[in-house]
Amino acid sequence: MGKAPLSFRRLCLRRRSKKKLEPPPSPAQPSMGASSAPTAAQNAIAGAVSAATGKGKKKAGGARLWMRFDFTGKSELVECDKSVIIERAGIPARDLRILGPVFSHSSNILAREKAMVVNLEFIKAIVTSQEVLLLDPLRQEVLPFVDQLRQQLPQRNVSNSNGAGPTEAQDNEMQVSTCGQWLPVPEAVEGFQCELPFEFQVLEIALEVVCTYLDSSVAELEKDAYPVLDELARNVSTKNLEHVRSLKSNLTRLLARVQKVRDEIEHLLDDNEDMAHLYLTRRRIQNQQAEALPGHAASNSIVPKAPHLRRLSSTRSGSLVSSNLMDDNDVEDLEMLLEAYFMQLDGTRNKILSVREYIDDTEDYVNIQLDNQRNELIQLQLILTIASFAIAANTLIAGIFGMNIPCQLYETDGIFEIFVGSTTTACVLLFLLVLGYARWKKLLGT
């Protein structure tokens, strides 16, 4: 009888605790049909934002700030977790570690199945054939890259889409007449532009911003270096030597950064297979066409071709138009793009090397000056040593006559002046004799 009320009370307490743990009924959600129809990219980003904002503490630990650009130049700021970026871009997790702070000054351009990982100095982005995901877009160094994307992407794609009709006509005429060869652009169509694929447009803007930043850094370094080195050549002091030391350390760091970007571009230029993997738009179109073809057409010799991927080369390379016969091994457009910026980086590197050579020349000049002063001090020390030797001989004579030994010279009148004068003259003659011997042996300068 005593246990029944106790067990009943426990049962009531359990039921009350379960009722308290049940969440309150949520308000009615709008149906999917009644909602507006956003694009798939916006749905994915919106889901990432809601997932990041709903987790509170986890968001502060894992989510990072990204900026998304599409091919029309539209941008939006989002906070995404690593898993969302990996799922969206189709890249392995180690690529996100490359974009982390550990590799802040490394340079990598990696090709993946659906994306291109770009890590050039301060620009850390994941580029696909239709959008760009830029990491830490609010940094001071990244803002010029963001401005260039906002300015150039809409103009290029809008002009390319509006001028598709006459462009195709001119392409066909040039292709038929030249059988897929390069042609010099006539003056009538000199202003005509046919753009690269989206991923190469972003890569070109990134390389341009990085090369401009490195070039401006080298220009500032040159502006500060030459006055400091000239001042050191005029006046060798501790302050000037400290300025040159800091200047040389900055020069070494800047040279290493330029060398990393240059080596990465050179690595791509040396490997055509890696450059072919960077053609994301061509690969996407080929996959779409392969999926659209029937199963028996796989054995045919039809090679799916990417639409007009030809372009006018940049102002550094002249004006040439390529044909639109693009196969998997055709990397000429990307090669021309990379060669242009490789030459620019090579020029920047040569500027740094010229500044370093000027520093080395200044150091050699300063060392020569110090050696000359050291030699003058040695000569002065030798002269003083010869003079000390002559004076020591006179002191020896005076010490001998200072002994209490009987001598007849002590009793001679007027002998003191004669004796002192003769010994002094003998010491001077001895000094001149040893000095002349040192000059004869070229131990002293003339």
Protein backbone atom coordinates (compact mmCIF):
# COMPACT_ATOMS: atom_id res chain seq x y z
CA MET A 1 0.00 0.00 0.00
CA GLY A 2 2.89 2.36 0.68
CA LYS A 3 4.55 1.84 -2.72
CA ALA A 4 1.51 2.58 -4.95
CA PRO A 5 1.31 6.34 -4.33
CA LEU A 6 5.08 6.62 -4.73
CA SER A 7 5.13 4.91 -8.10
CA PHE A 8 2.12 6.91 -9.29
CA ARG A 9 3.84 10.16 -8.33
CA ARG A 10 6.98 9.16 -10.21
CA LEU A 11 4.90 8.36 -13.26
CA CYS A 12 3.25 11.79 -13.13
CA LEU A 13 6.60 13.51 -12.77
CA ARG A 14 7.93 11.67 -15.83
CA ARG A 15 4.92 12.66 -17.89
CA ARG A 16 5.28 16.31 -16.84
CA SER A 17 8.98 16.32 -17.71
CA LYS A 18 8.21 14.87 -21.16
CA LYS A 19 5.64 17.56 -21.77
CA LYS A 20 8.12 20.25 -20.80
CA LEU A 21 10.77 18.85 -23.18
CA GLU A 22 8.43 18.82 -26.16
CA PRO A 23 9.04 21.89 -28.39
CA PRO A 24 6.17 24.32 -28.86
CA PRO A 25 4.26 23.98 -32.13
CA SER A 26 5.89 26.04 -34.87
CA PRO A 27 3.82 28.42 -36.97
CA ALA A 28 2.60 27.17 -40.29
CA GLN A 29 5.35 27.20 -42.90
CA PRO A 30 4.53 28.52 -46.36
CA SER A 31 4.31 25.85 -49.00
CA MET A 32 7.01 25.41 -51.64
CA GLY A 33 4.56 26.17 -54.38
CA ALA A 34 3.48 29.48 -52.90
CA SER A 35 7.05 30.71 -52.32
CA SER A 36 8.97 32.62 -54.92
CA ALA A 37 11.19 30.63 -57.26
CA PRO A 38 14.80 31.65 -56.54
CA THR A 39 17.67 30.14 -58.40
CA ALA A 40 19.44 27.00 -57.21
CA ALA A 41 22.55 28.96 -56.26
CA GLN A 42 20.55 31.35 -54.10
CA ASN A 43 18.79 28.42 -52.39
CA ALA A 44 22.12 26.80 -51.56
CA ILE A 45 23.62 30.04 -50.22
CA ALA A 46 20.45 30.82 -48.27
CA GLY A 47 20.56 27.35 -46.73
CA ALA A 48 24.18 27.88 -45.80
CA VAL A 49 23.37 31.22 -44.17
CA SER A 50 20.45 29.74 -42.19
CA ALA A 51 22.56 26.78 -41.12
CA ALA A 52 25.40 29.08 -40.08
CA THR A 53 23.18 31.54 -38.22
CA GLY A 54 21.15 28.85 -36.48
CA LYS A 55 24.08 27.15 -34.81
CA GLY A 56 25.30 30.04 -32.68
CA LYS A 57 28.57 28.93 -31.16
CA LYS A 58 29.41 26.56 -34.00
CA LYS A 59 29.17 29.40 -36.50
CA ALA A 60 31.83 31.40 -34.73
CA GLY A 61 34.17 28.44 -34.80
CA GLY A 62 33.68 26.99 -38.31
CA ALA A 63 31.93 29.50 -40.58
CA ARG A 64 33.93 32.08 -42.50
CA LEU A 65 32.99 35.10 -44.54
CA TRP A 66 32.76 34.54 -48.30
CA MET A 67 31.64 36.68 -51.21
CA ARG A 68 29.90 35.05 -54.13
CA PHE A 69 30.12 36.46 -57.68
CA ASP A 70 28.20 34.98 -60.59
CA PHE A 71 29.04 35.41 -64.28
CA THR A 72 26.87 38.55 -64.51
CA GLY A 73 28.83 40.33 -61.77
CA LYS A 74 26.18 40.07 -59.06
CA SER A 75 27.65 39.61 -55.60
CA GLU A 76 26.48 38.73 -52.11
CA LEU A 77 28.16 38.24 -48.74
CA VAL A 78 27.57 34.90 -47.00
CA GLU A 79 28.95 33.02 -44.03
CA CYS A 80 29.47 29.36 -44.90
CA ASP A 81 30.90 26.36 -43.15
CA LYS A 82 33.62 24.22 -44.70
CA SER A 83 31.21 21.40 -45.44
CA VAL A 84 28.95 23.72 -47.42
CA ILE A 85 31.84 24.99 -49.55
CA ILE A 86 33.15 21.46 -50.12
CA GLU A 87 29.73 20.22 -51.19
CA ARG A 88 29.02 23.21 -53.39
CA ALA A 89 32.38 23.44 -55.21
CA GLY A 90 33.17 19.73 -55.23
CA ILE A 91 36.70 20.13 -53.85
CA PRO A 92 38.51 18.07 -51.22
CA ALA A 93 38.97 19.38 -47.70
CA ARG A 94 42.73 19.79 -48.11
CA ASP A 95 42.12 22.55 -50.66
CA LEU A 96 40.40 24.63 -48.01
CA ARG A 97 43.47 24.20 -45.82
CA ILE A 98 45.52 25.65 -48.66
CA LEU A 99 43.30 28.73 -48.47
CA GLY A 100 43.82 28.96 -44.71
CA PRO A 101 46.15 31.29 -42.80
CA VAL A 102 48.97 28.72 -42.69
CA PHE A 103 49.58 29.19 -46.42
CA SER A 104 48.97 32.93 -46.37
CA HIS A 105 51.96 33.79 -48.59
CA SER A 106 51.95 30.71 -50.80
CA SER A 107 50.83 30.69 -54.43
CA ASN A 108 48.84 27.85 -55.92
CA ILE A 109 46.52 27.43 -58.91
CA LEU A 110 44.92 23.99 -58.63
CA ALA A 111 42.52 22.37 -61.08
CA ARG A 112 39.76 20.16 -59.73
CA GLU A 113 36.87 18.39 -61.42
CA LYS A 114 34.38 21.25 -61.15
CA ALA A 115 36.39 24.12 -59.73
CA MET A 116 39.72 25.91 -59.75
CA VAL A 117 41.39 26.77 -56.44
CA VAL A 118 43.25 30.08 -56.67
CA ASN A 119 45.63 31.07 -53.88
CA LEU A 120 47.68 34.02 -55.07
CA GLU A 121 49.11 36.13 -52.27
CA PHE A 122 46.05 37.69 -50.59
CA ILE A 123 43.51 36.44 -53.17
CA LYS A 124 41.97 33.18 -52.00
CA ALA A 125 39.10 32.06 -54.18
CA ILE A 126 37.30 29.02 -55.54
CA VAL A 127 36.35 29.54 -59.17
CA THR A 128 33.83 27.43 -61.04
CA SER A 129 32.52 27.81 -64.57
CA GLN A 130 29.64 30.00 -63.38
CA GLU A 131 30.58 31.64 -60.07
CA VAL A 132 33.40 32.73 -57.75
CA LEU A 133 33.61 32.18 -54.01
CA LEU A 134 36.05 34.70 -52.54
CA LEU A 135 37.38 34.24 -49.01
CA ASP A 136 37.76 37.24 -46.67
CA PRO A 137 36.54 39.83 -49.18
CA LEU A 138 36.65 42.74 -46.71
CA ARG A 139 40.42 42.72 -46.26
CA GLN A 140 42.17 45.88 -47.39
CA GLU A 141 44.30 44.06 -49.95
CA VAL A 142 41.36 42.14 -51.42
CA LEU A 143 39.13 45.18 -52.00
CA PRO A 144 40.78 46.11 -55.35
CA PHE A 145 40.10 42.59 -56.61
CA VAL A 146 36.46 42.87 -55.54
CA ASP A 147 36.14 46.22 -57.32
CA GLN A 148 37.67 44.81 -60.50
CA LEU A 149 35.25 41.87 -60.46
CA ARG A 150 32.29 44.20 -60.04
CA GLN A 151 33.45 46.46 -62.85
CA GLN A 152 34.74 44.02 -65.46
CA LEU A 153 32.54 40.93 -65.21
CA PRO A 154 29.23 42.67 -66.09
CA GLN A 155 30.80 44.62 -68.97
CA ARG A 156 32.50 41.60 -70.50
CA ASN A 157 29.55 39.24 -70.29
CA VAL A 158 26.93 41.79 -71.34
CA SER A 159 28.99 42.90 -74.35
CA ASN A 160 29.70 39.29 -75.23
CA SER A 161 26.01 38.30 -75.06
CA ASN A 162 24.79 41.34 -77.01
CA GLY A 163 27.32 40.95 -79.81
CA ALA A 164 26.81 37.21 -80.35
CA GLY A 165 25.21 37.52 -83.78
CA PRO A 166 27.82 39.46 -85.73
CA THR A 167 30.53 37.74 -83.77
CA GLU A 168 29.47 34.31 -84.96
CA ALA A 169 29.29 35.51 -88.55
CA GLN A 170 32.79 36.89 -88.42
CA ASP A 171 34.03 33.72 -86.71
CA ASN A 172 32.63 31.49 -89.47
CA GLU A 173 34.10 33.65 -92.21
CA MET A 174 37.53 33.63 -90.61
CA GLN A 175 37.41 29.92 -89.90
CA VAL A 176 36.43 28.97 -93.46
CA SER A 177 39.00 31.20 -95.04
CA THR A 178 41.90 30.16 -92.81
CA CYS A 179 41.08 26.54 -91.90
CA GLY A 180 41.49 27.21 -88.20
CA GLN A 181 44.68 29.27 -88.40
CA TRP A 182 45.52 32.51 -86.63
CA LEU A 183 44.82 35.74 -88.46
CA PRO A 184 45.91 39.33 -87.83
CA VAL A 185 42.90 41.40 -86.94
CA PRO A 186 42.10 44.04 -89.57
CA GLU A 187 41.86 47.64 -88.56
CA ALA A 188 38.09 47.71 -89.12
CA VAL A 189 37.50 45.21 -86.30
CA GLU A 190 40.39 46.29 -84.10
CA GLY A 191 38.02 47.21 -81.27
CA PHE A 192 36.29 43.84 -81.45
CA GLN A 193 36.64 41.73 -78.31
CA CYS A 194 35.85 38.06 -77.85
CA GLU A 195 36.24 37.12 -74.22
CA LEU A 196 37.74 34.15 -72.46
CA PRO A 197 35.63 31.68 -70.47
CA PHE A 198 34.38 32.87 -67.13
CA GLU A 199 37.02 31.06 -65.07
CA PHE A 200 39.83 32.57 -67.13
CA GLN A 201 38.31 36.03 -66.85
CA VAL A 202 38.47 35.70 -63.06
CA LEU A 203 42.00 34.27 -63.23
CA GLU A 204 43.11 37.14 -65.46
CA ILE A 205 41.68 39.73 -63.06
CA ALA A 206 43.35 37.97 -60.11
CA LEU A 207 46.72 37.87 -61.86
CA GLU A 208 46.37 41.50 -62.90
CA VAL A 209 45.59 42.63 -59.34
CA VAL A 210 48.43 40.55 -57.84
CA CYS A 211 50.97 41.68 -60.45
CA THR A 212 49.92 45.31 -60.02
CA TYR A 213 50.24 45.02 -56.24
CA LEU A 214 53.69 43.42 -56.46
CA ASP A 215 54.82 45.96 -59.04
CA SER A 216 53.67 48.86 -56.88
CA SER A 217 55.43 47.31 -53.88
CA VAL A 218 58.64 47.09 -55.88
CA ALA A 219 58.22 50.71 -57.03
CA GLU A 220 57.84 51.87 -53.42
CA LEU A 221 60.86 49.81 -52.44
CA GLU A 222 62.94 51.37 -55.21
CA LYS A 223 61.78 54.84 -54.17
CA ASP A 224 62.95 54.23 -50.61
CA ALA A 225 66.05 52.22 -51.43
CA TYR A 226 68.14 54.49 -53.63
CA PRO A 227 68.19 57.56 -51.29
CA VAL A 228 69.08 55.34 -48.31
CA LEU A 229 71.89 53.65 -50.21
CA ASP A 230 73.26 56.95 -51.47
CA GLU A 231 73.22 58.33 -47.93
CA LEU A 232 75.08 55.24 -46.71
CA ALA A 233 77.70 55.71 -49.42
CA ARG A 234 78.24 59.31 -48.26
CA ASN A 235 78.16 58.65 -44.54
CA VAL A 236 78.73 55.22 -43.00
CA SER A 237 76.90 55.33 -39.69
CA THR A 238 74.98 52.95 -37.47
CA LYS A 239 71.66 54.56 -38.37
CA ASN A 240 72.24 54.24 -42.10
CA LEU A 241 73.42 50.66 -41.73
CA GLU A 242 70.24 49.81 -39.81
CA HIS A 243 68.11 51.33 -42.61
CA VAL A 244 69.93 49.27 -45.21
CA ARG A 245 69.52 46.11 -43.13
CA SER A 246 65.73 46.54 -42.88
CA LEU A 247 65.59 47.44 -46.56
CA LYS A 248 67.45 44.29 -47.50
CA SER A 249 65.17 42.09 -45.40
CA ASN A 250 62.08 43.63 -47.03
CA LEU A 251 63.66 43.09 -50.42
CA THR A 252 64.30 39.42 -49.68
CA ARG A 253 60.72 38.84 -48.57
CA LEU A 254 59.31 40.63 -51.62
CA LEU A 255 61.56 38.66 -53.95
CA ALA A 256 60.37 35.40 -52.40
CA ARG A 257 56.72 36.39 -52.93
CA VAL A 258 57.28 37.34 -56.55
CA GLN A 259 59.28 34.17 -57.11
CA LYS A 260 56.45 31.99 -55.75
CA VAL A 261 53.85 33.45 -58.11
CA ARG A 262 56.27 33.29 -61.03
CA ASP A 263 57.18 29.66 -60.29
CA GLU A 264 53.52 28.67 -60.12
CA ILE A 265 52.79 30.22 -63.52
CA GLU A 266 55.94 28.65 -64.95
CA HIS A 267 54.84 25.26 -63.61
CA LEU A 268 51.51 25.60 -65.43
CA LEU A 269 53.19 26.70 -68.65
CA ASP A 270 55.46 23.66 -68.58
CA ASP A 271 52.55 21.21 -68.25
CA ASN A 272 49.86 21.31 -70.95
CA GLU A 273 47.81 18.70 -69.12
CA ASP A 274 47.44 20.91 -66.06
CA MET A 275 46.41 23.83 -68.27
CA ALA A 276 43.84 21.64 -70.04
CA HIS A 277 42.30 20.74 -66.66
CA LEU A 278 41.68 24.43 -65.99
CA TYR A 279 39.17 24.68 -68.88
CA LEU A 280 36.12 24.27 -66.64
CA THR A 281 33.59 25.75 -69.08
CA ARG A 282 34.71 23.49 -71.91
CA ARG A 283 34.56 20.45 -69.65
CA ARG A 284 31.09 21.38 -68.42
CA ILE A 285 29.77 21.84 -71.97
CA GLN A 286 31.32 18.58 -73.10
CA ASN A 287 29.74 16.74 -70.18
CA GLN A 288 26.35 18.27 -70.96
CA GLN A 289 26.64 17.34 -74.62
CA ALA A 290 27.82 13.83 -73.74
CA GLU A 291 24.78 13.36 -71.51
CA ALA A 292 22.49 14.65 -74.25
CA LEU A 293 23.89 12.27 -76.90
CA PRO A 294 22.25 8.84 -77.23
CA GLY A 295 24.13 5.80 -76.04
CA HIS A 296 25.09 4.49 -79.48
CA ALA A 297 26.68 7.80 -80.47
CA ALA A 298 29.52 7.30 -78.04
CA SER A 299 31.50 5.32 -80.65
CA ASN A 300 31.17 8.04 -83.31
CA SER A 301 33.97 10.45 -84.10
CA ILE A 302 31.95 13.50 -83.11
CA VAL A 303 33.99 15.66 -80.76
CA PRO A 304 31.85 18.08 -78.74
CA LYS A 305 33.14 21.56 -79.12
CA ALA A 306 32.94 24.42 -76.69
CA PRO A 307 31.27 27.56 -78.02
CA HIS A 308 33.37 30.51 -79.00
CA LEU A 309 36.30 30.39 -76.60
CA ARG A 310 38.52 32.45 -78.79
CA ARG A 311 39.55 35.95 -77.85
CA LEU A 312 41.74 38.83 -78.71
CA SER A 313 44.93 38.62 -76.78
CA SER A 314 45.72 41.24 -74.19
CA THR A 315 47.35 44.52 -75.10
CA ARG A 316 50.72 43.07 -74.08
CA SER A 317 50.56 40.30 -76.71
CA GLY A 318 49.17 42.10 -79.77
CA SER A 319 45.85 41.52 -81.52
CA LEU A 320 45.32 37.98 -82.81
CA VAL A 321 42.13 36.01 -83.29
CA SER A 322 42.02 32.25 -82.77
CA SER A 323 39.58 29.84 -84.32
CA ASN A 324 36.80 28.15 -82.40
CA LEU A 325 37.98 24.61 -83.07
CA MET A 326 38.75 23.77 -79.45
CA ASP A 327 39.73 20.27 -78.42
CA ASP A 328 40.93 18.90 -75.12
CA ASN A 329 44.58 19.56 -75.96
CA ASP A 330 44.13 23.15 -77.13
CA VAL A 331 45.45 25.39 -74.36
CA GLU A 332 46.65 28.25 -76.52
CA ASP A 333 44.36 30.88 -75.00
CA LEU A 334 45.40 30.07 -71.45
CA GLU A 335 49.03 29.81 -72.49
CA MET A 336 48.95 33.30 -74.00
CA LEU A 337 47.27 34.64 -70.85
CA LEU A 338 49.81 33.07 -68.52
CA GLU A 339 52.77 34.06 -70.68
CA ALA A 340 51.76 37.72 -70.55
CA TYR A 341 51.70 37.79 -66.74
CA PHE A 342 54.78 35.57 -66.54
CA MET A 343 56.69 38.20 -68.51
CA GLN A 344 55.32 40.93 -66.25
CA LEU A 345 56.38 39.02 -63.13
CA ASP A 346 59.75 38.35 -64.71
CA GLY A 347 60.18 42.09 -65.23
CA THR A 348 59.19 42.74 -61.62
CA ARG A 349 61.70 40.13 -60.49
CA ASN A 350 64.41 41.77 -62.59
CA LYS A 351 63.65 45.11 -60.90
CA ILE A 352 64.11 43.50 -57.49
CA LEU A 353 67.34 41.88 -58.61
CA SER A 354 68.63 45.22 -59.90
CA VAL A 355 67.87 46.82 -56.52
CA ARG A 356 69.63 43.96 -54.76
CA GLU A 357 72.59 44.32 -57.08
CA TYR A 358 72.70 48.04 -56.27
CA ILE A 359 72.66 47.14 -52.58
CA ASP A 360 75.53 44.70 -53.11
CA ASP A 361 77.50 47.34 -55.00
CA THR A 362 76.91 49.82 -52.20
CA GLU A 363 78.02 47.28 -49.62
CA ASP A 364 81.17 46.62 -51.62
CA TYR A 365 81.85 50.34 -51.84
CA VAL A 366 81.31 50.74 -48.10
CA ASN A 367 83.62 47.80 -47.40
CA ILE A 368 86.27 49.39 -49.60
CA GLN A 369 85.91 52.63 -47.67
CA LEU A 370 86.21 50.81 -44.36
CA ASP A 371 89.25 48.88 -45.60
CA ASN A 372 90.85 52.13 -46.69
CA GLN A 373 90.24 53.69 -43.31
CA ARG A 374 91.57 50.56 -41.64
CA ASN A 375 94.74 50.77 -43.74
CA GLU A 376 95.17 54.44 -42.81
CA LEU A 377 94.89 53.52 -39.14
CA ILE A 378 97.51 50.81 -39.59
CA GLN A 379 99.85 53.27 -41.31
CA LEU A 380 99.34 55.78 -38.50
CA GLN A 381 100.06 53.07 -35.97
CA LEU A 382 103.27 52.15 -37.82
CA ILE A 383 104.45 55.78 -37.87
CA LEU A 384 103.78 56.14 -34.16
CA THR A 385 105.66 52.90 -33.52
CA ILE A 386 108.71 54.21 -35.42
CA ALA A 387 108.56 57.47 -33.48
CA SER A 388 108.31 55.55 -30.22
CA PHE A 389 111.34 53.51 -31.19
CA ALA A 390 113.40 56.67 -31.86
CA ILE A 391 112.31 58.28 -28.61
CA ALA A 392 113.09 55.05 -26.75
CA ALA A 393 116.69 55.19 -28.08
CA ASN A 394 117.06 58.74 -26.75
CA THR A 395 115.56 57.64 -23.43
CA LEU A 396 118.06 54.79 -23.25
CA ILE A 397 120.98 57.20 -23.57
CA ALA A 398 119.51 59.50 -20.94
CA GLY A 399 118.96 56.53 -18.59
CA ILE A 400 122.58 55.41 -18.99
CA PHE A 401 123.94 58.83 -18.06
CA GLY A 402 121.48 59.08 -15.18
CA MET A 403 123.33 56.36 -13.24
CA ASN A 404 125.59 57.37 -10.34
CA ILE A 405 128.78 56.35 -12.11
CA PRO A 406 131.82 58.64 -12.07
CA CYS A 407 132.38 60.19 -15.53
CA GLN A 408 134.61 63.02 -16.76
CA LEU A 409 131.80 64.51 -18.83
CA TYR A 410 130.02 65.56 -15.66
CA GLU A 411 132.84 68.00 -14.91
CA THR A 412 132.93 69.59 -18.41
CA ASP A 413 131.25 72.97 -18.66
CA GLY A 414 128.55 73.48 -21.36
CA ILE A 415 128.45 69.78 -22.30
CA PHE A 416 124.73 69.36 -21.41
CA GLU A 417 123.33 71.40 -24.32
CA ILE A 418 125.70 69.81 -26.80
CA PHE A 419 124.94 66.30 -25.59
CA VAL A 420 121.13 66.76 -25.58
CA GLY A 421 121.19 68.34 -29.05
CA SER A 422 123.36 65.60 -30.50
CA THR A 423 121.24 62.75 -29.04
CA THR A 424 118.02 64.38 -30.20
CA THR A 425 119.41 64.83 -33.70
CA ALA A 426 120.49 61.20 -33.71
CA CYS A 427 116.97 60.08 -32.70
CA VAL A 428 115.39 62.19 -35.45
CA LEU A 429 117.78 60.74 -38.00
CA LEU A 430 116.94 57.25 -36.75
CA PHE A 431 113.20 57.98 -37.13
CA LEU A 432 113.67 59.25 -40.68
CA LEU A 433 115.84 56.29 -41.56
CA VAL A 434 113.27 53.72 -40.38
CA LEU A 435 110.43 55.69 -41.99
CA GLY A 436 112.27 55.74 -45.30
CA TYR A 437 112.85 52.02 -45.06
CA ALA A 438 109.12 51.46 -44.49
CA ARG A 439 108.25 53.55 -47.55
CA TRP A 440 110.85 51.72 -49.59
CA LYS A 441 109.21 48.43 -48.64
CA LYS A 442 105.79 50.00 -49.49
CA LEU A 443 104.55 49.53 -45.96
CA LEU A 444 103.38 53.13 -45.99
CA GLY A 445 101.53 55.03 -48.67
CA THR A 446 103.14 57.90 -50.50
